[in-house]
Amino acid sequence: MTPSPSPVNLADKLSQFSDLWSQKKIADLNDYEVKLAKLKGEFIWHTHDDTDELIMVVSGRLTLRLRDGEVELGPGELFVVPRGVEHCPVAEEETAILLFEPAGTLNTGDAGGPRTKAPEGL
């Protein structure tokens, strides 16, 4: 028997963790992962050479620094960072985001380093 489908409640999922800059996988979509993360402060400059990255703000505010400018996002807004575009996410206040990326995409892209983490399931 196939399990009954049930909706994913973003507020419920966000209440289940408090760690920052740690992606939590909440669903699979074909070869993609749907992930949540909480951010505060500045991340690292990085690129994803092989894929675009969709970032949607659930709560708070996010600045995506790009080499040729900045993109400001508030709740309910999204931006697609094109593949190969170097970017650095910055959140002055705690911010919750939703991400759509191909499975296996590293959070630090080409930069690597100690902040690299595989997404954890919720």
N, C-alpha and C. Protein backbone atom coordinates (compact mmCIF):
# COMPACT_ATOMS: atom_id res chain seq x y z
N MET A 1 0.84 -1.18 0.00
CA MET A 1 0.00 0.00 0.00
C MET A 1 0.89 1.25 0.00
N THR A 2 0.50 2.24 -0.77
CA THR A 2 1.22 3.51 -0.84
C THR A 2 0.76 4.41 0.31
N PRO A 3 1.72 5.03 1.02
CA PRO A 3 1.31 5.92 2.12
C PRO A 3 0.50 7.11 1.59
N SER A 4 -0.40 7.59 2.42
CA SER A 4 -1.21 8.75 2.05
C SER A 4 -0.32 9.98 1.98
N PRO A 5 -0.50 10.80 0.95
CA PRO A 5 0.30 12.03 0.89
C PRO A 5 -0.17 13.00 1.97
N SER A 6 0.77 13.73 2.51
CA SER A 6 0.41 14.74 3.50
C SER A 6 1.20 16.01 3.21
N PRO A 7 0.61 17.16 3.47
CA PRO A 7 1.30 18.42 3.19
C PRO A 7 2.46 18.63 4.15
N VAL A 8 3.41 19.42 3.71
CA VAL A 8 4.53 19.83 4.56
C VAL A 8 4.22 21.23 5.06
N ASN A 9 4.19 21.38 6.37
CA ASN A 9 3.92 22.68 6.98
C ASN A 9 5.25 23.35 7.29
N LEU A 10 5.55 24.44 6.60
CA LEU A 10 6.85 25.10 6.77
C LEU A 10 7.07 25.61 8.19
N ALA A 11 6.05 26.20 8.80
CA ALA A 11 6.19 26.71 10.17
C ALA A 11 6.52 25.56 11.13
N ASP A 12 5.85 24.43 10.96
CA ASP A 12 6.12 23.26 11.81
C ASP A 12 7.55 22.78 11.63
N LYS A 13 7.99 22.67 10.39
CA LYS A 13 9.36 22.20 10.11
C LYS A 13 10.39 23.18 10.68
N LEU A 14 10.15 24.48 10.51
CA LEU A 14 11.08 25.48 11.02
C LEU A 14 11.18 25.46 12.55
N SER A 15 10.09 25.06 13.22
CA SER A 15 10.10 25.00 14.69
C SER A 15 10.92 23.82 15.21
N GLN A 16 11.29 22.90 14.32
CA GLN A 16 12.00 21.69 14.74
C GLN A 16 13.53 21.84 14.81
N PHE A 17 14.05 23.01 14.43
CA PHE A 17 15.49 23.20 14.52
C PHE A 17 15.83 24.66 14.77
N SER A 18 17.02 24.88 15.31
CA SER A 18 17.45 26.25 15.59
C SER A 18 18.84 26.55 15.04
N ASP A 19 19.58 25.52 14.61
CA ASP A 19 20.94 25.76 14.13
C ASP A 19 20.93 26.58 12.85
N LEU A 20 21.93 27.43 12.72
CA LEU A 20 22.04 28.34 11.59
C LEU A 20 22.93 27.76 10.50
N TRP A 21 22.63 28.14 9.26
CA TRP A 21 23.42 27.76 8.08
C TRP A 21 23.50 26.25 7.91
N SER A 22 22.48 25.54 8.35
CA SER A 22 22.41 24.09 8.23
C SER A 22 21.13 23.72 7.49
N GLN A 23 21.26 23.23 6.28
CA GLN A 23 20.09 22.94 5.46
C GLN A 23 19.39 21.67 5.92
N LYS A 24 18.05 21.72 5.94
CA LYS A 24 17.22 20.59 6.35
C LYS A 24 16.33 20.19 5.17
N LYS A 25 16.48 18.96 4.73
CA LYS A 25 15.69 18.49 3.59
C LYS A 25 14.28 18.15 4.06
N ILE A 26 13.28 18.74 3.35
CA ILE A 26 11.89 18.51 3.74
C ILE A 26 11.10 17.77 2.67
N ALA A 27 11.67 17.65 1.46
CA ALA A 27 10.97 16.94 0.39
C ALA A 27 11.94 16.67 -0.76
N ASP A 28 11.58 15.69 -1.56
CA ASP A 28 12.28 15.40 -2.81
C ASP A 28 11.34 15.71 -3.96
N LEU A 29 11.88 16.25 -5.03
CA LEU A 29 11.10 16.57 -6.21
C LEU A 29 11.92 16.11 -7.42
N ASN A 30 11.60 14.97 -7.96
CA ASN A 30 12.39 14.36 -9.02
C ASN A 30 13.84 14.26 -8.55
N ASP A 31 14.77 14.88 -9.23
CA ASP A 31 16.18 14.83 -8.84
C ASP A 31 16.58 16.02 -7.98
N TYR A 32 15.59 16.74 -7.44
CA TYR A 32 15.85 17.93 -6.64
C TYR A 32 15.51 17.68 -5.18
N GLU A 33 16.12 18.49 -4.32
CA GLU A 33 15.80 18.50 -2.91
C GLU A 33 15.17 19.86 -2.57
N VAL A 34 14.14 19.82 -1.74
CA VAL A 34 13.52 21.03 -1.21
C VAL A 34 14.03 21.13 0.22
N LYS A 35 14.67 22.27 0.54
CA LYS A 35 15.33 22.39 1.83
C LYS A 35 14.96 23.70 2.52
N LEU A 36 15.01 23.67 3.84
CA LEU A 36 14.86 24.87 4.66
C LEU A 36 16.18 25.15 5.36
N ALA A 37 16.41 26.40 5.66
CA ALA A 37 17.58 26.78 6.45
C ALA A 37 17.26 28.07 7.20
N LYS A 38 17.93 28.24 8.32
CA LYS A 38 17.87 29.48 9.08
C LYS A 38 19.25 30.13 8.97
N LEU A 39 19.25 31.42 8.71
CA LEU A 39 20.49 32.14 8.48
C LEU A 39 20.58 33.35 9.40
N LYS A 40 21.77 33.70 9.78
CA LYS A 40 22.03 34.97 10.46
C LYS A 40 23.51 35.25 10.30
N GLY A 41 23.82 36.47 9.88
CA GLY A 41 25.20 36.83 9.64
C GLY A 41 25.55 36.66 8.17
N GLU A 42 26.84 36.53 7.91
CA GLU A 42 27.34 36.43 6.54
C GLU A 42 27.86 35.02 6.28
N PHE A 43 27.55 34.48 5.11
CA PHE A 43 28.06 33.17 4.71
C PHE A 43 29.38 33.38 3.98
N ILE A 44 29.68 32.59 2.99
CA ILE A 44 30.92 32.73 2.23
C ILE A 44 30.60 32.95 0.76
N TRP A 45 31.52 33.58 0.06
CA TRP A 45 31.38 33.74 -1.39
C TRP A 45 31.57 32.37 -2.03
N HIS A 46 30.63 32.01 -2.93
CA HIS A 46 30.73 30.71 -3.60
C HIS A 46 29.92 30.73 -4.89
N THR A 47 30.14 29.73 -5.71
CA THR A 47 29.36 29.53 -6.94
C THR A 47 28.91 28.09 -7.02
N HIS A 48 27.89 27.87 -7.81
CA HIS A 48 27.44 26.52 -8.17
C HIS A 48 27.59 26.45 -9.68
N ASP A 49 28.67 25.86 -10.14
CA ASP A 49 28.99 25.87 -11.57
C ASP A 49 28.00 25.09 -12.43
N ASP A 50 27.35 24.07 -11.86
CA ASP A 50 26.52 23.18 -12.66
C ASP A 50 25.02 23.37 -12.50
N THR A 51 24.60 24.31 -11.65
CA THR A 51 23.16 24.43 -11.42
C THR A 51 22.77 25.84 -10.97
N ASP A 52 21.56 26.23 -11.33
CA ASP A 52 20.94 27.42 -10.76
C ASP A 52 20.53 27.08 -9.33
N GLU A 53 20.27 28.11 -8.52
CA GLU A 53 19.85 27.91 -7.13
C GLU A 53 18.66 28.83 -6.84
N LEU A 54 17.51 28.24 -6.51
CA LEU A 54 16.33 29.03 -6.17
C LEU A 54 16.31 29.23 -4.67
N ILE A 55 16.25 30.50 -4.25
CA ILE A 55 16.20 30.87 -2.84
C ILE A 55 14.95 31.70 -2.61
N MET A 56 14.10 31.26 -1.68
CA MET A 56 12.89 32.01 -1.33
C MET A 56 12.92 32.32 0.16
N VAL A 57 12.65 33.57 0.51
CA VAL A 57 12.61 33.97 1.91
C VAL A 57 11.24 33.64 2.49
N VAL A 58 11.24 32.90 3.58
CA VAL A 58 10.01 32.56 4.31
C VAL A 58 9.73 33.62 5.36
N SER A 59 10.78 34.01 6.11
CA SER A 59 10.65 35.07 7.11
C SER A 59 12.00 35.77 7.23
N GLY A 60 11.95 37.03 7.67
CA GLY A 60 13.18 37.81 7.78
C GLY A 60 13.52 38.50 6.47
N ARG A 61 14.79 38.87 6.34
CA ARG A 61 15.28 39.56 5.14
C ARG A 61 16.63 38.98 4.77
N LEU A 62 16.87 38.87 3.47
CA LEU A 62 18.13 38.31 2.98
C LEU A 62 18.71 39.22 1.91
N THR A 63 20.00 39.47 2.01
CA THR A 63 20.73 40.17 0.97
C THR A 63 21.62 39.16 0.27
N LEU A 64 21.48 39.07 -1.04
CA LEU A 64 22.39 38.24 -1.82
C LEU A 64 23.39 39.17 -2.48
N ARG A 65 24.62 39.12 -1.99
CA ARG A 65 25.66 39.93 -2.58
C ARG A 65 26.15 39.22 -3.84
N LEU A 66 26.20 39.96 -4.92
CA LEU A 66 26.73 39.48 -6.18
C LEU A 66 27.91 40.37 -6.53
N ARG A 67 28.79 39.93 -7.38
CA ARG A 67 29.96 40.75 -7.71
C ARG A 67 29.58 42.05 -8.41
N ASP A 68 28.38 42.09 -9.03
CA ASP A 68 27.97 43.31 -9.73
C ASP A 68 26.77 43.99 -9.09
N GLY A 69 26.51 43.72 -7.80
CA GLY A 69 25.40 44.37 -7.12
C GLY A 69 24.83 43.49 -6.02
N GLU A 70 23.68 43.89 -5.51
CA GLU A 70 23.01 43.14 -4.44
C GLU A 70 21.55 42.94 -4.78
N VAL A 71 20.99 41.85 -4.28
CA VAL A 71 19.56 41.57 -4.41
C VAL A 71 19.01 41.47 -2.99
N GLU A 72 17.99 42.28 -2.69
CA GLU A 72 17.34 42.28 -1.38
C GLU A 72 16.04 41.49 -1.47
N LEU A 73 15.86 40.56 -0.55
CA LEU A 73 14.65 39.73 -0.54
C LEU A 73 13.96 39.81 0.81
N GLY A 74 12.63 39.92 0.77
CA GLY A 74 11.81 39.87 1.97
C GLY A 74 10.90 38.66 1.92
N PRO A 75 10.05 38.49 2.93
CA PRO A 75 9.16 37.33 2.99
C PRO A 75 8.31 37.19 1.72
N GLY A 76 8.27 35.97 1.20
CA GLY A 76 7.48 35.68 0.01
C GLY A 76 8.18 36.00 -1.29
N GLU A 77 9.41 36.51 -1.23
CA GLU A 77 10.15 36.82 -2.45
C GLU A 77 11.20 35.76 -2.72
N LEU A 78 11.45 35.53 -4.01
CA LEU A 78 12.47 34.55 -4.37
C LEU A 78 13.37 35.11 -5.45
N PHE A 79 14.54 34.49 -5.57
CA PHE A 79 15.51 34.86 -6.58
C PHE A 79 16.21 33.60 -7.02
N VAL A 80 16.47 33.50 -8.31
CA VAL A 80 17.23 32.38 -8.84
C VAL A 80 18.63 32.88 -9.13
N VAL A 81 19.60 32.33 -8.41
CA VAL A 81 21.00 32.64 -8.67
C VAL A 81 21.42 31.77 -9.85
N PRO A 82 21.77 32.38 -10.97
CA PRO A 82 22.16 31.58 -12.14
C PRO A 82 23.44 30.78 -11.89
N ARG A 83 23.51 29.63 -12.53
CA ARG A 83 24.71 28.80 -12.39
C ARG A 83 25.95 29.63 -12.73
N GLY A 84 27.00 29.40 -11.95
CA GLY A 84 28.26 30.08 -12.20
C GLY A 84 28.36 31.49 -11.67
N VAL A 85 27.29 32.02 -11.06
CA VAL A 85 27.33 33.40 -10.53
C VAL A 85 27.78 33.35 -9.07
N GLU A 86 28.89 34.03 -8.78
CA GLU A 86 29.40 34.05 -7.42
C GLU A 86 28.47 34.89 -6.55
N HIS A 87 28.16 34.39 -5.37
CA HIS A 87 27.24 35.08 -4.48
C HIS A 87 27.60 34.81 -3.02
N CYS A 88 27.11 35.72 -2.16
CA CYS A 88 27.36 35.61 -0.73
C CYS A 88 26.09 36.03 0.01
N PRO A 89 25.37 35.08 0.62
CA PRO A 89 24.16 35.42 1.37
C PRO A 89 24.50 36.11 2.69
N VAL A 90 23.71 37.15 3.03
CA VAL A 90 23.90 37.88 4.28
C VAL A 90 22.52 38.13 4.88
N ALA A 91 22.36 37.80 6.16
CA ALA A 91 21.10 38.05 6.88
C ALA A 91 21.43 38.81 8.15
N GLU A 92 21.00 40.06 8.22
CA GLU A 92 21.26 40.88 9.41
C GLU A 92 20.44 40.40 10.61
N GLU A 93 19.27 39.83 10.34
CA GLU A 93 18.41 39.25 11.39
C GLU A 93 18.20 37.79 11.05
N GLU A 94 17.74 37.00 12.01
CA GLU A 94 17.48 35.60 11.68
C GLU A 94 16.46 35.52 10.55
N THR A 95 16.79 34.75 9.55
CA THR A 95 15.99 34.64 8.34
C THR A 95 15.81 33.18 7.99
N ALA A 96 14.60 32.80 7.62
CA ALA A 96 14.32 31.43 7.18
C ALA A 96 14.15 31.44 5.66
N ILE A 97 14.81 30.47 5.00
CA ILE A 97 14.72 30.38 3.55
C ILE A 97 14.32 28.98 3.12
N LEU A 98 13.76 28.92 1.92
CA LEU A 98 13.42 27.67 1.25
C LEU A 98 14.30 27.60 0.01
N LEU A 99 14.92 26.45 -0.23
CA LEU A 99 15.82 26.25 -1.36
C LEU A 99 15.36 25.10 -2.23
N PHE A 100 15.52 25.24 -3.53
CA PHE A 100 15.32 24.15 -4.49
C PHE A 100 16.65 23.97 -5.21
N GLU A 101 17.25 22.79 -5.07
CA GLU A 101 18.53 22.50 -5.71
C GLU A 101 18.59 21.03 -6.09
N PRO A 102 19.38 20.71 -7.11
CA PRO A 102 19.57 19.29 -7.43
C PRO A 102 20.15 18.55 -6.22
N ALA A 103 19.73 17.32 -6.02
CA ALA A 103 20.26 16.50 -4.93
C ALA A 103 21.78 16.47 -5.03
N GLY A 104 22.43 16.58 -3.90
CA GLY A 104 23.88 16.53 -3.85
C GLY A 104 24.58 17.86 -4.00
N THR A 105 23.82 18.96 -4.20
CA THR A 105 24.43 20.28 -4.33
C THR A 105 24.99 20.70 -2.97
N LEU A 106 26.28 21.06 -2.95
CA LEU A 106 26.91 21.49 -1.70
C LEU A 106 26.51 22.91 -1.35
N ASN A 107 26.26 23.16 -0.07
CA ASN A 107 25.86 24.50 0.37
C ASN A 107 26.95 25.53 0.11
N THR A 108 28.20 25.11 0.08
CA THR A 108 29.31 26.03 -0.15
C THR A 108 29.79 26.00 -1.60
N GLY A 109 29.08 25.30 -2.47
CA GLY A 109 29.44 25.27 -3.88
C GLY A 109 30.89 24.92 -4.10
N ASP A 110 31.58 25.76 -4.89
CA ASP A 110 32.98 25.50 -5.24
C ASP A 110 33.95 25.88 -4.13
N ALA A 111 33.48 26.59 -3.08
CA ALA A 111 34.38 27.11 -2.05
C ALA A 111 34.83 26.04 -1.06
N GLY A 112 33.97 25.05 -0.78
CA GLY A 112 34.33 24.02 0.19
C GLY A 112 34.58 24.63 1.56
N GLY A 113 35.38 23.95 2.36
CA GLY A 113 35.78 24.47 3.66
C GLY A 113 34.95 23.95 4.81
N PRO A 114 35.21 24.49 6.00
CA PRO A 114 34.58 23.97 7.22
C PRO A 114 33.07 24.21 7.32
N ARG A 115 32.52 25.11 6.52
CA ARG A 115 31.07 25.36 6.58
C ARG A 115 30.29 24.44 5.66
N THR A 116 30.97 23.55 4.94
CA THR A 116 30.30 22.62 4.05
C THR A 116 29.57 21.57 4.88
N LYS A 117 28.27 21.42 4.62
CA LYS A 117 27.46 20.42 5.34
C LYS A 117 26.47 19.80 4.38
N ALA A 118 26.30 18.51 4.47
CA ALA A 118 25.24 17.84 3.72
C ALA A 118 23.92 18.17 4.40
N PRO A 119 22.83 18.27 3.62
CA PRO A 119 21.53 18.54 4.26
C PRO A 119 21.11 17.38 5.15
N GLU A 120 20.45 17.70 6.24
CA GLU A 120 19.90 16.70 7.15
C GLU A 120 18.41 16.61 6.93
N GLY A 121 17.86 15.43 7.07
CA GLY A 121 16.41 15.27 6.93
C GLY A 121 15.67 15.69 8.17
N LEU A 122 14.46 16.18 7.99
CA LEU A 122 13.59 16.51 9.13
C LEU A 122 12.44 15.54 9.16
